[in-house]
Amino acid sequence: MKIAAIIDIRCKPERSFGFDRIAMRIARFPEVLDVMVISGRSDLTVKIEGKNLDEISKFVTEKLSPMENVESTSTQFFLKIYKSKGKILIKEPKYSRIPVAP
């Protein structure tokens, strides 16, 4: 079973290219599922999958962080996924109440 993570990246845009070239370099890694330019504190968001935490950590520290123009990264791991691609993945829990007598 693979685990997934979202990585927010702050990077320096390139003259005449903005974030396009760095986004395309990141997109070529096989671990990367999605790459998006976003608004807010970060510039790019990347979704990746790996076999374990170590594999994702190695990707961030050895491949992503050293890239030219990458200033910082912030990684969040998916702990539990309830819905993905429009499909609910987990059944709702059934709650039962203990009968109460007056």
N, C-alpha and C. Protein backbone atom coordinates (compact mmCIF):
# COMPACT_ATOMS: atom_id res chain seq x y z
N MET A 1 0.84 -1.19 0.00
CA MET A 1 0.00 0.00 0.00
C MET A 1 0.88 1.24 0.00
N LYS A 2 0.56 2.20 -0.83
CA LYS A 2 1.32 3.43 -0.91
C LYS A 2 0.71 4.49 0.01
N ILE A 3 1.56 5.44 0.40
CA ILE A 3 1.07 6.58 1.17
C ILE A 3 1.21 7.81 0.30
N ALA A 4 0.41 8.81 0.56
CA ALA A 4 0.41 10.03 -0.24
C ALA A 4 0.73 11.23 0.63
N ALA A 5 1.27 12.25 -0.02
CA ALA A 5 1.59 13.49 0.67
C ALA A 5 1.36 14.67 -0.27
N ILE A 6 1.09 15.80 0.34
CA ILE A 6 0.99 17.07 -0.36
C ILE A 6 2.21 17.89 0.05
N ILE A 7 2.90 18.46 -0.92
CA ILE A 7 4.08 19.28 -0.62
C ILE A 7 3.82 20.68 -1.16
N ASP A 8 3.83 21.66 -0.27
CA ASP A 8 3.72 23.05 -0.68
C ASP A 8 5.13 23.58 -0.89
N ILE A 9 5.35 24.26 -1.99
CA ILE A 9 6.68 24.72 -2.37
C ILE A 9 6.68 26.23 -2.59
N ARG A 10 7.63 26.90 -1.96
CA ARG A 10 7.89 28.30 -2.27
C ARG A 10 9.09 28.32 -3.18
N CYS A 11 8.96 29.00 -4.31
CA CYS A 11 10.07 29.04 -5.25
C CYS A 11 10.15 30.40 -5.93
N LYS A 12 11.29 30.63 -6.49
CA LYS A 12 11.56 31.89 -7.17
C LYS A 12 11.14 31.75 -8.63
N PRO A 13 10.24 32.61 -9.12
CA PRO A 13 9.85 32.52 -10.53
C PRO A 13 10.99 32.95 -11.44
N GLU A 14 11.01 32.38 -12.64
CA GLU A 14 12.05 32.71 -13.61
C GLU A 14 11.54 33.79 -14.56
N ARG A 15 12.43 34.68 -14.95
CA ARG A 15 12.08 35.72 -15.91
C ARG A 15 11.60 35.06 -17.21
N SER A 16 10.53 35.54 -17.74
CA SER A 16 9.90 35.08 -18.99
C SER A 16 9.20 33.72 -18.88
N PHE A 17 9.42 32.97 -17.79
CA PHE A 17 8.80 31.65 -17.65
C PHE A 17 7.90 31.54 -16.42
N GLY A 18 8.07 32.44 -15.46
CA GLY A 18 7.31 32.34 -14.22
C GLY A 18 7.63 31.03 -13.51
N PHE A 19 6.61 30.26 -13.19
CA PHE A 19 6.77 28.98 -12.51
C PHE A 19 6.72 27.79 -13.47
N ASP A 20 6.51 28.06 -14.75
CA ASP A 20 6.28 26.98 -15.72
C ASP A 20 7.43 25.98 -15.80
N ARG A 21 8.66 26.44 -15.93
CA ARG A 21 9.77 25.50 -16.11
C ARG A 21 10.02 24.66 -14.87
N ILE A 22 9.97 25.26 -13.70
CA ILE A 22 10.20 24.47 -12.48
C ILE A 22 9.05 23.49 -12.27
N ALA A 23 7.81 23.91 -12.56
CA ALA A 23 6.66 23.01 -12.43
C ALA A 23 6.80 21.81 -13.37
N MET A 24 7.27 22.05 -14.58
CA MET A 24 7.44 20.96 -15.54
C MET A 24 8.58 20.02 -15.13
N ARG A 25 9.65 20.55 -14.55
CA ARG A 25 10.73 19.68 -14.06
C ARG A 25 10.22 18.78 -12.95
N ILE A 26 9.44 19.35 -12.04
CA ILE A 26 8.88 18.56 -10.94
C ILE A 26 7.91 17.51 -11.48
N ALA A 27 7.11 17.88 -12.46
CA ALA A 27 6.11 16.97 -13.02
C ALA A 27 6.73 15.72 -13.65
N ARG A 28 7.98 15.79 -14.06
CA ARG A 28 8.63 14.64 -14.71
C ARG A 28 9.03 13.53 -13.74
N PHE A 29 9.06 13.80 -12.45
CA PHE A 29 9.41 12.75 -11.49
C PHE A 29 8.28 11.72 -11.43
N PRO A 30 8.60 10.42 -11.46
CA PRO A 30 7.55 9.40 -11.46
C PRO A 30 6.71 9.38 -10.17
N GLU A 31 7.25 9.85 -9.06
CA GLU A 31 6.51 9.86 -7.79
C GLU A 31 5.38 10.90 -7.79
N VAL A 32 5.50 11.89 -8.65
CA VAL A 32 4.60 13.04 -8.65
C VAL A 32 3.30 12.71 -9.39
N LEU A 33 2.18 12.93 -8.70
CA LEU A 33 0.86 12.69 -9.29
C LEU A 33 0.27 13.98 -9.85
N ASP A 34 0.42 15.08 -9.13
CA ASP A 34 -0.17 16.36 -9.51
C ASP A 34 0.80 17.50 -9.20
N VAL A 35 0.80 18.52 -10.04
CA VAL A 35 1.56 19.75 -9.80
C VAL A 35 0.64 20.91 -10.16
N MET A 36 0.51 21.87 -9.24
CA MET A 36 -0.38 23.00 -9.46
C MET A 36 0.25 24.30 -8.97
N VAL A 37 0.08 25.38 -9.71
CA VAL A 37 0.42 26.71 -9.22
C VAL A 37 -0.78 27.15 -8.40
N ILE A 38 -0.51 27.67 -7.21
CA ILE A 38 -1.60 28.05 -6.30
C ILE A 38 -1.41 29.47 -5.81
N SER A 39 -2.46 30.02 -5.23
CA SER A 39 -2.38 31.32 -4.58
C SER A 39 -2.16 31.10 -3.09
N GLY A 40 -1.67 32.10 -2.41
CA GLY A 40 -1.46 31.99 -0.97
C GLY A 40 0.00 32.02 -0.60
N ARG A 41 0.35 31.37 0.51
CA ARG A 41 1.71 31.38 1.03
C ARG A 41 2.71 30.64 0.17
N SER A 42 2.26 29.61 -0.51
CA SER A 42 3.13 28.81 -1.37
C SER A 42 2.89 29.17 -2.82
N ASP A 43 3.80 28.72 -3.66
CA ASP A 43 3.67 28.97 -5.10
C ASP A 43 3.16 27.75 -5.85
N LEU A 44 3.64 26.57 -5.45
CA LEU A 44 3.25 25.32 -6.09
C LEU A 44 2.77 24.33 -5.03
N THR A 45 1.86 23.47 -5.41
CA THR A 45 1.48 22.33 -4.58
C THR A 45 1.69 21.07 -5.42
N VAL A 46 2.31 20.09 -4.79
CA VAL A 46 2.63 18.83 -5.46
C VAL A 46 2.03 17.69 -4.65
N LYS A 47 1.37 16.77 -5.31
CA LYS A 47 0.88 15.56 -4.65
C LYS A 47 1.76 14.41 -5.13
N ILE A 48 2.29 13.64 -4.16
CA ILE A 48 3.14 12.50 -4.52
C ILE A 48 2.68 11.25 -3.79
N GLU A 49 3.14 10.11 -4.28
CA GLU A 49 2.94 8.83 -3.60
C GLU A 49 4.28 8.14 -3.42
N GLY A 50 4.39 7.41 -2.33
CA GLY A 50 5.60 6.64 -2.06
C GLY A 50 5.26 5.38 -1.31
N LYS A 51 6.22 4.48 -1.19
CA LYS A 51 6.02 3.22 -0.48
C LYS A 51 5.92 3.43 1.02
N ASN A 52 6.63 4.46 1.53
CA ASN A 52 6.65 4.72 2.97
C ASN A 52 7.11 6.16 3.23
N LEU A 53 7.15 6.54 4.51
CA LEU A 53 7.57 7.90 4.87
C LEU A 53 9.00 8.18 4.45
N ASP A 54 9.86 7.20 4.58
CA ASP A 54 11.27 7.38 4.21
C ASP A 54 11.43 7.69 2.73
N GLU A 55 10.66 7.02 1.90
CA GLU A 55 10.75 7.25 0.46
C GLU A 55 10.32 8.68 0.10
N ILE A 56 9.26 9.14 0.73
CA ILE A 56 8.79 10.51 0.48
C ILE A 56 9.80 11.51 1.02
N SER A 57 10.33 11.25 2.21
CA SER A 57 11.34 12.12 2.80
C SER A 57 12.56 12.22 1.90
N LYS A 58 13.00 11.09 1.37
CA LYS A 58 14.16 11.06 0.47
C LYS A 58 13.88 11.87 -0.79
N PHE A 59 12.67 11.76 -1.33
CA PHE A 59 12.29 12.54 -2.51
C PHE A 59 12.41 14.04 -2.22
N VAL A 60 11.87 14.46 -1.08
CA VAL A 60 11.89 15.89 -0.74
C VAL A 60 13.31 16.38 -0.51
N THR A 61 14.09 15.64 0.27
CA THR A 61 15.43 16.11 0.64
C THR A 61 16.48 15.95 -0.46
N GLU A 62 16.34 14.93 -1.30
CA GLU A 62 17.36 14.67 -2.30
C GLU A 62 17.02 15.16 -3.71
N LYS A 63 15.73 15.23 -4.02
CA LYS A 63 15.35 15.63 -5.38
C LYS A 63 14.70 17.01 -5.44
N LEU A 64 13.74 17.26 -4.54
CA LEU A 64 12.95 18.48 -4.64
C LEU A 64 13.64 19.71 -4.03
N SER A 65 14.04 19.61 -2.77
CA SER A 65 14.64 20.76 -2.08
C SER A 65 15.90 21.30 -2.73
N PRO A 66 16.78 20.45 -3.27
CA PRO A 66 18.00 20.98 -3.89
C PRO A 66 17.79 21.64 -5.26
N MET A 67 16.60 21.54 -5.82
CA MET A 67 16.36 22.11 -7.15
C MET A 67 16.59 23.61 -7.14
N GLU A 68 17.17 24.09 -8.23
CA GLU A 68 17.39 25.52 -8.39
C GLU A 68 16.05 26.25 -8.32
N ASN A 69 16.02 27.35 -7.60
CA ASN A 69 14.86 28.22 -7.40
C ASN A 69 13.86 27.72 -6.36
N VAL A 70 14.04 26.51 -5.81
CA VAL A 70 13.17 26.07 -4.70
C VAL A 70 13.71 26.70 -3.42
N GLU A 71 12.86 27.49 -2.77
CA GLU A 71 13.28 28.19 -1.56
C GLU A 71 12.90 27.44 -0.29
N SER A 72 11.73 26.80 -0.28
CA SER A 72 11.32 26.02 0.89
C SER A 72 10.22 25.05 0.51
N THR A 73 10.05 24.02 1.35
CA THR A 73 8.98 23.05 1.16
C THR A 73 8.28 22.80 2.50
N SER A 74 7.04 22.39 2.43
CA SER A 74 6.27 21.99 3.60
C SER A 74 5.45 20.77 3.21
N THR A 75 5.69 19.66 3.91
CA THR A 75 5.07 18.39 3.54
C THR A 75 3.98 18.00 4.54
N GLN A 76 2.81 17.64 4.02
CA GLN A 76 1.71 17.13 4.84
C GLN A 76 1.35 15.75 4.33
N PHE A 77 1.23 14.80 5.27
CA PHE A 77 0.88 13.43 4.91
C PHE A 77 -0.61 13.20 5.10
N PHE A 78 -1.19 12.41 4.21
CA PHE A 78 -2.58 12.01 4.34
C PHE A 78 -2.66 10.95 5.44
N LEU A 79 -3.44 11.20 6.46
CA LEU A 79 -3.60 10.23 7.54
C LEU A 79 -4.79 9.30 7.31
N LYS A 80 -5.85 9.86 6.77
CA LYS A 80 -7.04 9.07 6.48
C LYS A 80 -7.80 9.78 5.36
N ILE A 81 -8.20 9.04 4.35
CA ILE A 81 -8.91 9.62 3.22
C ILE A 81 -10.35 9.13 3.23
N TYR A 82 -11.30 10.06 3.30
CA TYR A 82 -12.71 9.73 3.35
C TYR A 82 -13.35 9.70 1.96
N LYS A 83 -12.87 10.58 1.09
CA LYS A 83 -13.44 10.67 -0.24
C LYS A 83 -12.33 11.02 -1.22
N SER A 84 -12.31 10.35 -2.36
CA SER A 84 -11.30 10.62 -3.37
C SER A 84 -11.91 10.48 -4.75
N LYS A 85 -11.63 11.47 -5.60
CA LYS A 85 -12.11 11.46 -6.98
C LYS A 85 -13.63 11.27 -7.05
N GLY A 86 -14.33 11.89 -6.10
CA GLY A 86 -15.79 11.85 -6.08
C GLY A 86 -16.39 10.62 -5.44
N LYS A 87 -15.55 9.70 -4.97
CA LYS A 87 -16.07 8.45 -4.41
C LYS A 87 -15.78 8.39 -2.91
N ILE A 88 -16.83 8.12 -2.13
CA ILE A 88 -16.66 7.94 -0.68
C ILE A 88 -16.01 6.59 -0.45
N LEU A 89 -14.94 6.59 0.35
CA LEU A 89 -14.15 5.38 0.55
C LEU A 89 -14.44 4.65 1.85
N ILE A 90 -15.06 5.33 2.80
CA ILE A 90 -15.26 4.75 4.13
C ILE A 90 -16.75 4.75 4.45
N LYS A 91 -17.22 3.64 4.99
CA LYS A 91 -18.62 3.55 5.40
C LYS A 91 -18.84 4.39 6.65
N GLU A 92 -20.02 5.00 6.73
CA GLU A 92 -20.35 5.77 7.92
C GLU A 92 -20.49 4.84 9.11
N PRO A 93 -19.94 5.27 10.26
CA PRO A 93 -20.08 4.42 11.45
C PRO A 93 -21.53 4.38 11.91
N LYS A 94 -21.92 3.23 12.42
CA LYS A 94 -23.28 3.10 12.97
C LYS A 94 -23.20 3.33 14.46
N TYR A 95 -24.04 4.22 14.90
CA TYR A 95 -24.07 4.54 16.33
C TYR A 95 -25.29 3.86 16.95
N SER A 96 -25.08 3.29 18.10
CA SER A 96 -26.21 2.71 18.82
C SER A 96 -26.27 3.34 20.20
N ARG A 97 -27.47 3.54 20.65
CA ARG A 97 -27.67 4.14 21.96
C ARG A 97 -28.16 3.09 22.94
N ILE A 98 -27.70 3.21 24.14
CA ILE A 98 -28.15 2.31 25.19
C ILE A 98 -29.53 2.78 25.63
N PRO A 99 -30.48 1.84 25.72
CA PRO A 99 -31.83 2.24 26.16
C PRO A 99 -31.78 2.83 27.59
N VAL A 100 -32.50 3.90 27.76
CA VAL A 100 -32.52 4.55 29.07
C VAL A 100 -33.95 4.43 29.62
N ALA A 101 -34.05 3.94 30.87
CA ALA A 101 -35.37 3.82 31.52
C ALA A 101 -35.56 5.01 32.47
N PRO A 102 -36.80 5.53 32.55
CA PRO A 102 -37.03 6.67 33.46
C PRO A 102 -36.89 6.32 34.92
